[in-house]
Amino acid sequence: MDLQDQLKNLFPDHVKEESIDRSENTSKIWMQDDPIICKYEKRKGKPITILEGYTGATEDFKILAKEIKTKLSVGGSFKDDKIIIQGDYRDTIMNMLKDKGFNVKRVGG
């Protein structure tokens, strides 16, 4: 008897829920004409990537920040209408945003 059978015996009324498709949230993000600026800085000796220049809703930018952080498996934050990602991921982030349809401009280095 495997684990699935044991769980069915313990919880006979349980109905398995469908997995939630999170791509629906990202398809509703507002696209803009001006490019998003992707730049690199060092703070306290640590490299960071900063995205700024998004003119849409703050909630859309937060969704985008969360998606970038989860895909890259890195830390980061959203402050003052900027996404701050820990590490130098400019090329990867720029490719991700271009695949979504955003215009991206690389600044510095």
C-alpha atoms as a PDB file:
ATOM      1  CA  MET A   1       0.000   0.000   0.000  1.00  0.00           C
ATOM      2  CA  ASP A   2       1.596   3.244  -1.108  1.00  0.00           C
ATOM      3  CA  LEU A   3       1.182   6.703   0.340  1.00  0.00           C
ATOM      4  CA  GLN A   4      -1.626   7.741  -2.052  1.00  0.00           C
ATOM      5  CA  ASP A   5      -3.764   4.752  -0.999  1.00  0.00           C
ATOM      6  CA  GLN A   6      -3.150   5.477   2.680  1.00  0.00           C
ATOM      7  CA  LEU A   7      -4.223   9.091   2.197  1.00  0.00           C
ATOM      8  CA  LYS A   8      -7.374   7.997   0.347  1.00  0.00           C
ATOM      9  CA  ASN A   9      -8.251   5.706   3.272  1.00  0.00           C
ATOM     10  CA  LEU A  10      -7.674   8.481   5.807  1.00  0.00           C
ATOM     11  CA  PHE A  11      -9.512  11.187   3.815  1.00  0.00           C
ATOM     12  CA  PRO A  12     -12.124   9.538   1.569  1.00  0.00           C
ATOM     13  CA  ASP A  13     -14.051  12.779   0.928  1.00  0.00           C
ATOM     14  CA  HIS A  14     -11.005  14.776  -0.194  1.00  0.00           C
ATOM     15  CA  VAL A  15     -11.162  16.050  -3.775  1.00  0.00           C
ATOM     16  CA  LYS A  16      -7.838  16.840  -5.421  1.00  0.00           C
ATOM     17  CA  GLU A  17      -7.783  20.466  -6.577  1.00  0.00           C
ATOM     18  CA  GLU A  18      -6.509  21.486  -9.971  1.00  0.00           C
ATOM     19  CA  SER A  19      -3.161  23.217  -9.954  1.00  0.00           C
ATOM     20  CA  ILE A  20      -3.474  26.983 -10.263  1.00  0.00           C
ATOM     21  CA  ASP A  21      -2.079  28.420 -13.472  1.00  0.00           C
ATOM     22  CA  ARG A  22      -0.113  31.509 -12.450  1.00  0.00           C
ATOM     23  CA  SER A  23       0.611  32.592 -16.002  1.00  0.00           C
ATOM     24  CA  GLU A  24      -2.798  34.292 -16.124  1.00  0.00           C
ATOM     25  CA  ASN A  25      -1.567  37.025 -13.751  1.00  0.00           C
ATOM     26  CA  THR A  26       1.448  37.844 -15.881  1.00  0.00           C
ATOM     27  CA  SER A  27      -0.550  38.064 -19.118  1.00  0.00           C
ATOM     28  CA  LYS A  28      -2.548  40.968 -17.674  1.00  0.00           C
ATOM     29  CA  ILE A  29       0.534  43.115 -17.017  1.00  0.00           C
ATOM     30  CA  TRP A  30       0.340  46.470 -18.775  1.00  0.00           C
ATOM     31  CA  MET A  31       2.897  46.920 -21.551  1.00  0.00           C
ATOM     32  CA  GLN A  32       4.497  50.320 -22.020  1.00  0.00           C
ATOM     33  CA  ASP A  33       6.145  52.202 -24.865  1.00  0.00           C
ATOM     34  CA  ASP A  34       9.177  53.495 -22.938  1.00  0.00           C
ATOM     35  CA  PRO A  35      11.915  50.965 -22.167  1.00  0.00           C
ATOM     36  CA  ILE A  36      12.483  49.553 -18.706  1.00  0.00           C
ATOM     37  CA  ILE A  37      15.981  50.515 -17.555  1.00  0.00           C
ATOM     38  CA  CYS A  38      18.139  47.618 -16.351  1.00  0.00           C
ATOM     39  CA  LYS A  39      21.294  48.700 -14.547  1.00  0.00           C
ATOM     40  CA  TYR A  40      24.030  47.234 -12.387  1.00  0.00           C
ATOM     41  CA  GLU A  41      25.408  48.642  -9.145  1.00  0.00           C
ATOM     42  CA  LYS A  42      27.496  47.544  -6.223  1.00  0.00           C
ATOM     43  CA  ARG A  43      26.254  48.292  -2.736  1.00  0.00           C
ATOM     44  CA  LYS A  44      28.532  47.479   0.187  1.00  0.00           C
ATOM     45  CA  GLY A  45      30.651  45.425  -2.204  1.00  0.00           C
ATOM     46  CA  LYS A  46      27.756  43.215  -3.329  1.00  0.00           C
ATOM     47  CA  PRO A  47      26.433  43.289  -6.918  1.00  0.00           C
ATOM     48  CA  ILE A  48      22.772  44.150  -7.520  1.00  0.00           C
ATOM     49  CA  THR A  49      20.580  44.558 -10.596  1.00  0.00           C
ATOM     50  CA  ILE A  50      18.060  47.404 -10.607  1.00  0.00           C
ATOM     51  CA  LEU A  51      14.991  47.666 -12.858  1.00  0.00           C
ATOM     52  CA  GLU A  52      13.262  51.026 -13.071  1.00  0.00           C
ATOM     53  CA  GLY A  53      11.166  53.106 -15.415  1.00  0.00           C
ATOM     54  CA  TYR A  54       7.918  51.103 -15.400  1.00  0.00           C
ATOM     55  CA  THR A  55       4.973  53.472 -15.821  1.00  0.00           C
ATOM     56  CA  GLY A  56       2.116  51.026 -15.198  1.00  0.00           C
ATOM     57  CA  ALA A  57       0.379  50.106 -11.963  1.00  0.00           C
ATOM     58  CA  THR A  58       2.491  49.379  -8.898  1.00  0.00           C
ATOM     59  CA  GLU A  59       0.754  46.029  -8.388  1.00  0.00           C
ATOM     60  CA  ASP A  60       1.763  44.895 -11.897  1.00  0.00           C
ATOM     61  CA  PHE A  61       5.377  45.815 -11.189  1.00  0.00           C
ATOM     62  CA  LYS A  62       5.239  43.867  -7.904  1.00  0.00           C
ATOM     63  CA  ILE A  63       3.912  40.807  -9.748  1.00  0.00           C
ATOM     64  CA  LEU A  64       6.754  41.136 -12.240  1.00  0.00           C
ATOM     65  CA  ALA A  65       9.286  41.430  -9.392  1.00  0.00           C
ATOM     66  CA  LYS A  66       7.989  38.297  -7.724  1.00  0.00           C
ATOM     67  CA  GLU A  67       8.079  36.358 -10.977  1.00  0.00           C
ATOM     68  CA  ILE A  68      11.685  37.388 -11.669  1.00  0.00           C
ATOM     69  CA  LYS A  69      12.787  36.467  -8.156  1.00  0.00           C
ATOM     70  CA  THR A  70      11.156  33.043  -8.291  1.00  0.00           C
ATOM     71  CA  LYS A  71      12.483  32.179 -11.757  1.00  0.00           C
ATOM     72  CA  LEU A  72      16.029  33.167 -10.829  1.00  0.00           C
ATOM     73  CA  SER A  73      15.760  31.794  -7.260  1.00  0.00           C
ATOM     74  CA  VAL A  74      17.341  34.913  -5.811  1.00  0.00           C
ATOM     75  CA  GLY A  75      16.431  37.510  -3.225  1.00  0.00           C
ATOM     76  CA  GLY A  76      15.334  41.008  -3.937  1.00  0.00           C
ATOM     77  CA  SER A  77      12.886  43.731  -3.066  1.00  0.00           C
ATOM     78  CA  PHE A  78      10.543  46.333  -4.481  1.00  0.00           C
ATOM     79  CA  LYS A  79      11.216  49.878  -3.223  1.00  0.00           C
ATOM     80  CA  ASP A  80      10.517  53.349  -4.599  1.00  0.00           C
ATOM     81  CA  ASP A  81       9.138  52.014  -7.924  1.00  0.00           C
ATOM     82  CA  LYS A  82      12.333  49.992  -8.472  1.00  0.00           C
ATOM     83  CA  ILE A  83      12.946  46.260  -8.479  1.00  0.00           C
ATOM     84  CA  ILE A  84      16.223  45.408  -6.750  1.00  0.00           C
ATOM     85  CA  ILE A  85      17.581  41.907  -7.454  1.00  0.00           C
ATOM     86  CA  GLN A  86      20.570  40.492  -5.571  1.00  0.00           C
ATOM     87  CA  GLY A  87      23.359  39.603  -8.004  1.00  0.00           C
ATOM     88  CA  ASP A  88      24.321  40.518 -11.555  1.00  0.00           C
ATOM     89  CA  TYR A  89      21.502  39.044 -13.665  1.00  0.00           C
ATOM     90  CA  ARG A  90      21.166  41.792 -16.282  1.00  0.00           C
ATOM     91  CA  ASP A  91      21.345  39.531 -19.344  1.00  0.00           C
ATOM     92  CA  THR A  92      18.968  36.923 -17.946  1.00  0.00           C
ATOM     93  CA  ILE A  93      16.418  39.494 -16.786  1.00  0.00           C
ATOM     94  CA  MET A  94      16.612  41.388 -20.066  1.00  0.00           C
ATOM     95  CA  ASN A  95      15.915  38.178 -22.014  1.00  0.00           C
ATOM     96  CA  MET A  96      12.980  37.344 -19.730  1.00  0.00           C
ATOM     97  CA  LEU A  97      11.454  40.804 -20.190  1.00  0.00           C
ATOM     98  CA  LYS A  98      11.997  40.768 -23.968  1.00  0.00           C
ATOM     99  CA  ASP A  99      10.210  37.401 -24.154  1.00  0.00           C
ATOM    100  CA  LYS A 100       7.257  39.010 -22.358  1.00  0.00           C
ATOM    101  CA  GLY A 101       7.196  41.855 -24.896  1.00  0.00           C
ATOM    102  CA  PHE A 102       8.812  44.666 -22.902  1.00  0.00           C
ATOM    103  CA  ASN A 103      11.367  47.088 -24.311  1.00  0.00           C
ATOM    104  CA  VAL A 104      14.481  46.923 -22.148  1.00  0.00           C
ATOM    105  CA  LYS A 105      17.461  49.263 -22.135  1.00  0.00           C
ATOM    106  CA  ARG A 106      20.782  48.291 -20.551  1.00  0.00           C
ATOM    107  CA  VAL A 107      22.509  51.105 -18.661  1.00  0.00           C
ATOM    108  CA  GLY A 108      26.093  51.021 -17.450  1.00  0.00           C
ATOM    109  CA  GLY A 109      28.823  48.456 -18.105  1.00  0.00           C
END
